[in-house]
Amino acid sequence: MSRIFITGSADGLGLLAAEMLIDQGHKVVLHARNADRRKQTLLKVPGAEEVLIADLSDTDETVKLSEEINALGKFDAVIHNAGVYRGSEDKIFTVNTLAPYILTCLINKPERLIYLSSGMHLHGNPDLKESDFISGNITYSDSKLHDVILCMAAARKWPEVYANAVNPGWVPTKMGGSNATDNLQQGAETQAWLAVSDDDKAKVSGRYFFHKKEEHFRKEAADADLQERFLALCEQISGVRFPGGQK
C-alpha cells in the first residue's frame, strides 16, 4: 500500500486519479483551493485520508501547504496535478510553474514524482527570459513546458526518485471543456499508474507519458544548462532553493 498526495484533486483528473488509487487500497491525501471545495471533496471521496486547503496562486499558501504535508509524515508519491488554463498570465505562471517548483523543493522527497504537463508544451518558449519570469508574462504552453523542465531536472538531480511527466490529453474536464476528444479515464489512469505500479515500464525516470506510453517531449527540456537556468529563475522569484542533488 502506498501513500499519495495529489494537488488540484477537488475535481477533474486529480479527483478521478484519487478515486482509482483509493479503490486499489492506497492512502490518498487530496488538495482543494478553499474550505467550500474541501467540504465538497470529502463528500465526493469519503475514503480520502485528508483534504488540505491552499490557493496555489498565493505562494505563501503554497509554502504553508508543503509544511502541512510534511507534518502528515512520509509520502511515497506526489502528483502535481493542479493547473489553470484560463486567467491572467501571472496566475498561470504562479499556479502552473511556481507552485509545483515550490512544492517539489519543500515537500520531503518521495519515491515518485508525477508532473501533469500537456501536448501544448511543444509550443512553449524555451528562452526562459528573466523579464518574463519577473513580470509573470507566461502563457499556458510556456507553463506546461516548465513542468517538463522541472520534471527532467528532478530526474537528473535525484536519481533515487522516479520523476516523470504526463500528457493526459485533451480531456473533458472543466478546464478541457465538453468538446474535448481524448479519454478522461485514460488520462487519470496514467498518473495513478506512475504513482504506484510495480510495472517496469512505470519504474523509470525522466520520461514523458501519454496514456501509459512514452512519447517524445521538447528536446530543450532535457538540457541540463536550461534546467539549471529554470531552477535559478524560480529560486529568484520564489526565494525557495532547489535542494541538493547531482549537478
Protein backbone atom coordinates (compact mmCIF):
# COMPACT_ATOMS: atom_id res chain seq x y z
CA MET A 1 0.00 0.00 0.00
CA SER A 2 1.32 3.43 -0.95
CA ARG A 3 0.55 6.91 0.32
CA ILE A 4 0.00 9.60 -2.28
CA PHE A 5 -0.60 13.34 -2.23
CA ILE A 6 -2.37 14.91 -5.22
CA THR A 7 -2.64 18.64 -5.87
CA GLY A 8 -5.73 20.02 -7.58
CA SER A 9 -7.78 16.97 -6.66
CA ALA A 10 -11.16 18.51 -5.84
CA ASP A 11 -12.41 17.63 -9.32
CA GLY A 12 -11.33 16.54 -12.80
CA LEU A 13 -8.29 14.36 -13.42
CA GLY A 14 -6.95 14.70 -9.88
CA LEU A 15 -10.20 13.57 -8.29
CA LEU A 16 -10.55 10.66 -10.69
CA ALA A 17 -6.97 9.52 -10.05
CA ALA A 18 -7.61 9.74 -6.30
CA GLU A 19 -10.71 7.57 -6.58
CA MET A 20 -8.76 4.98 -8.60
CA LEU A 21 -5.94 4.85 -6.06
CA ILE A 22 -8.29 4.61 -3.07
CA ASP A 23 -10.20 1.80 -4.79
CA GLN A 24 -6.86 -0.01 -5.15
CA GLY A 25 -6.35 0.23 -1.38
CA HIS A 26 -3.88 3.12 -1.24
CA LYS A 27 -3.95 6.04 1.18
CA VAL A 28 -4.55 9.36 -0.57
CA VAL A 29 -4.39 12.93 0.69
CA LEU A 30 -6.18 15.43 -1.52
CA HIS A 31 -5.93 19.17 -2.03
CA ALA A 32 -8.64 21.79 -2.55
CA ARG A 33 -8.46 25.52 -3.16
CA ASN A 34 -10.72 26.62 -0.31
CA ALA A 35 -12.87 25.36 2.57
CA ASP A 36 -16.05 25.01 0.49
CA ARG A 37 -14.29 22.87 -2.09
CA ARG A 38 -12.73 20.82 0.71
CA LYS A 39 -16.17 20.06 2.09
CA GLN A 40 -17.48 19.06 -1.34
CA THR A 41 -14.43 16.88 -1.96
CA LEU A 42 -14.86 14.98 1.31
CA LEU A 43 -18.44 14.22 0.27
CA LYS A 44 -17.27 13.00 -3.15
CA VAL A 45 -14.36 10.95 -1.80
CA PRO A 46 -15.17 9.83 1.75
CA GLY A 47 -12.27 7.37 1.58
CA ALA A 48 -9.65 10.15 1.40
CA GLU A 49 -7.25 10.30 4.33
CA GLU A 50 -7.41 14.12 4.38
CA VAL A 51 -8.11 17.12 2.18
CA LEU A 52 -5.67 20.01 2.65
CA ILE A 53 -6.52 23.60 1.69
CA ALA A 54 -4.33 26.03 -0.23
CA ASP A 55 -4.77 28.56 -3.01
CA LEU A 56 -1.76 27.83 -5.21
CA SER A 57 -1.96 31.28 -6.77
CA ASP A 58 -0.64 32.54 -3.41
CA THR A 59 2.97 31.46 -2.87
CA ASP A 60 2.69 31.89 0.91
CA GLU A 61 -0.19 29.42 0.96
CA THR A 62 1.82 27.05 -1.22
CA VAL A 63 4.71 27.15 1.24
CA LYS A 64 2.29 26.55 4.12
CA LEU A 65 0.80 23.61 2.23
CA SER A 66 4.23 21.98 2.00
CA GLU A 67 4.60 22.30 5.77
CA GLU A 68 1.21 20.69 6.34
CA ILE A 69 2.09 17.83 4.02
CA ASN A 70 5.38 17.20 5.80
CA ALA A 71 3.60 17.26 9.15
CA LEU A 72 1.48 14.33 7.98
CA GLY A 73 4.56 12.14 7.55
CA LYS A 74 6.07 10.23 4.67
CA PHE A 75 4.50 10.06 1.22
CA ASP A 76 5.51 7.52 -1.41
CA ALA A 77 4.36 9.66 -4.34
CA VAL A 78 3.32 13.22 -5.11
CA ILE A 79 1.22 14.00 -8.17
CA HIS A 80 1.49 17.63 -9.27
CA ASN A 81 -1.88 17.72 -10.96
CA ALA A 82 -3.14 21.27 -10.23
CA GLY A 83 -3.23 23.72 -13.11
CA VAL A 84 -5.15 26.59 -14.65
CA TYR A 85 -5.77 27.24 -18.33
CA ARG A 86 -7.76 30.46 -18.22
CA GLY A 87 -6.88 33.52 -16.19
CA SER A 88 -4.15 36.12 -16.07
CA GLU A 89 -0.67 35.19 -17.26
CA ASP A 90 0.59 35.90 -13.75
CA LYS A 91 -1.88 33.40 -12.26
CA ILE A 92 -0.98 30.78 -14.87
CA PHE A 93 2.70 31.25 -14.01
CA THR A 94 2.16 31.11 -10.25
CA VAL A 95 -0.11 28.05 -10.26
CA ASN A 96 1.37 26.03 -13.13
CA THR A 97 5.06 26.86 -12.79
CA LEU A 98 5.93 28.21 -9.34
CA ALA A 99 3.62 26.04 -7.22
CA PRO A 100 5.00 22.68 -8.42
CA TYR A 101 8.52 24.06 -8.15
CA ILE A 102 7.99 25.23 -4.55
CA LEU A 103 6.26 22.00 -3.52
CA THR A 104 8.97 19.89 -5.17
CA CYS A 105 11.59 21.81 -3.22
CA LEU A 106 9.87 21.81 0.16
CA ILE A 107 7.95 18.53 0.45
CA ASN A 108 10.05 15.74 1.92
CA LYS A 109 11.37 13.81 -1.07
CA PRO A 110 9.00 10.98 -2.08
CA GLU A 111 9.94 7.92 -4.11
CA ARG A 112 7.90 9.06 -7.11
CA LEU A 113 7.05 12.43 -8.62
CA ILE A 114 4.49 12.93 -11.37
CA TYR A 115 4.02 16.23 -13.19
CA LEU A 116 0.94 16.97 -15.29
CA SER A 117 2.01 18.67 -18.48
CA SER A 118 0.25 18.94 -21.85
CA GLY A 119 0.86 18.38 -25.53
CA MET A 120 0.77 22.18 -25.71
CA HIS A 121 4.20 22.23 -24.04
CA LEU A 122 5.59 21.68 -27.54
CA HIS A 123 4.59 25.27 -28.31
CA GLY A 124 6.15 26.70 -25.14
CA ASN A 125 9.01 29.19 -25.26
CA PRO A 126 12.32 27.66 -24.08
CA ASP A 127 14.14 31.01 -23.98
CA LEU A 128 13.42 31.49 -20.25
CA LYS A 129 13.78 35.26 -20.21
CA GLU A 130 14.30 36.72 -16.76
CA SER A 131 11.96 39.61 -17.58
CA ASP A 132 9.12 37.18 -18.39
CA PHE A 133 9.56 35.35 -15.10
CA ILE A 134 9.67 38.57 -13.10
CA SER A 135 6.60 40.03 -14.81
CA GLY A 136 4.72 36.73 -14.94
CA ASN A 137 4.49 37.07 -18.73
CA ILE A 138 3.97 33.35 -19.24
CA THR A 139 1.47 31.52 -21.46
CA TYR A 140 -0.20 28.21 -20.67
CA SER A 141 2.06 26.46 -23.20
CA ASP A 142 5.12 28.03 -21.56
CA SER A 143 4.00 26.82 -18.13
CA LYS A 144 3.48 23.27 -19.36
CA LEU A 145 6.99 23.29 -20.85
CA HIS A 146 8.22 24.50 -17.46
CA ASP A 147 6.59 21.45 -15.84
CA VAL A 148 8.52 19.15 -18.18
CA ILE A 149 11.77 21.03 -17.48
CA LEU A 150 11.15 20.75 -13.73
CA CYS A 151 10.43 17.05 -14.06
CA MET A 152 13.59 16.41 -16.05
CA ALA A 153 15.66 18.45 -13.59
CA ALA A 154 14.30 16.40 -10.67
CA ALA A 155 15.01 13.17 -12.56
CA ARG A 156 18.60 14.25 -13.23
CA LYS A 157 19.40 15.65 -9.79
CA TRP A 158 17.61 12.94 -7.77
CA PRO A 159 18.44 9.59 -9.41
CA GLU A 160 16.86 7.76 -6.47
CA VAL A 161 13.44 9.19 -7.41
CA TYR A 162 11.18 8.19 -10.30
CA ALA A 163 10.20 11.58 -11.78
CA ASN A 164 8.02 11.61 -14.89
CA ALA A 165 5.74 13.95 -16.80
CA VAL A 166 2.29 13.16 -18.17
CA ASN A 167 0.26 14.49 -21.05
CA PRO A 168 -3.29 13.47 -20.08
CA GLY A 169 -4.61 14.54 -23.48
CA TRP A 170 -7.40 16.97 -24.26
CA VAL A 171 -9.95 15.57 -21.85
CA PRO A 172 -13.50 16.71 -20.95
CA THR A 173 -12.86 18.40 -17.60
CA LYS A 174 -13.83 21.92 -16.53
CA MET A 175 -10.50 23.01 -18.00
CA GLY A 176 -10.72 20.97 -21.19
CA GLY A 177 -14.38 21.66 -21.94
CA SER A 178 -17.13 19.43 -23.27
CA ASN A 179 -15.71 19.29 -26.81
CA ALA A 180 -12.51 17.56 -25.71
CA THR A 181 -11.73 14.46 -27.75
CA ASP A 182 -9.41 12.38 -25.51
CA ASN A 183 -10.38 9.78 -22.91
CA LEU A 184 -10.74 11.13 -19.37
CA GLN A 185 -10.34 7.69 -17.78
CA GLN A 186 -7.06 7.03 -19.59
CA GLY A 187 -5.79 10.50 -18.71
CA ALA A 188 -6.24 9.79 -15.00
CA GLU A 189 -5.06 6.17 -15.19
CA THR A 190 -1.59 7.19 -16.35
CA GLN A 191 -0.81 9.38 -13.34
CA ALA A 192 -2.23 6.79 -10.93
CA TRP A 193 -0.19 4.05 -12.64
CA LEU A 194 3.04 6.02 -12.42
CA ALA A 195 2.38 6.72 -8.73
CA VAL A 196 2.11 3.10 -7.57
CA SER A 197 2.69 0.49 -10.27
CA ASP A 198 5.42 -2.16 -10.00
CA ASP A 199 5.36 -2.49 -13.79
CA ASP A 200 8.92 -2.00 -15.07
CA LYS A 201 7.52 0.41 -17.64
CA ALA A 202 6.35 2.70 -14.81
CA LYS A 203 9.54 2.40 -12.74
CA VAL A 204 11.54 4.75 -14.94
CA SER A 205 12.55 8.39 -14.67
CA GLY A 206 12.91 11.41 -16.91
CA ARG A 207 10.19 10.26 -19.31
CA TYR A 208 7.06 11.81 -20.77
CA PHE A 209 3.91 9.67 -20.99
CA PHE A 210 0.63 9.73 -22.87
CA HIS A 211 -1.86 7.00 -21.94
CA LYS A 212 0.83 4.82 -20.32
CA LYS A 213 3.12 5.02 -23.34
CA GLU A 214 6.32 7.01 -23.59
CA GLU A 215 6.25 9.85 -26.10
CA HIS A 216 8.77 12.43 -27.19
CA PHE A 217 8.91 15.78 -25.43
CA ARG A 218 10.51 19.05 -26.41
CA LYS A 219 14.23 18.28 -26.54
CA GLU A 220 15.29 21.52 -24.83
CA ALA A 221 13.72 20.25 -21.58
CA ALA A 222 16.45 17.60 -21.36
CA ASP A 223 19.25 20.18 -21.47
CA ALA A 224 20.96 20.41 -18.07
CA ASP A 225 22.02 24.03 -18.57
CA LEU A 226 18.45 25.05 -19.39
CA GLN A 227 17.21 23.15 -16.35
CA GLU A 228 19.69 24.96 -14.11
CA ARG A 229 18.60 28.32 -15.54
CA PHE A 230 14.97 27.42 -14.90
CA LEU A 231 15.70 26.41 -11.30
CA ALA A 232 17.69 29.61 -10.72
CA LEU A 233 14.88 31.80 -12.06
CA CYS A 234 12.29 30.02 -9.92
CA GLU A 235 14.51 30.46 -6.87
CA GLN A 236 14.94 34.15 -7.69
CA ILE A 237 11.17 34.68 -7.90
CA SER A 238 10.08 32.43 -5.01
CA GLY A 239 13.02 32.66 -2.63
CA VAL A 240 12.98 28.87 -2.41
CA ARG A 241 16.11 26.93 -3.37
CA PHE A 242 16.05 23.51 -5.04
CA PRO A 243 17.56 21.01 -2.57
CA GLY A 244 20.97 19.47 -3.17
CA GLY A 245 21.45 16.75 -5.72
CA GLN A 246 23.56 15.85 -8.70
CA LYS A 247 24.76 18.71 -10.89
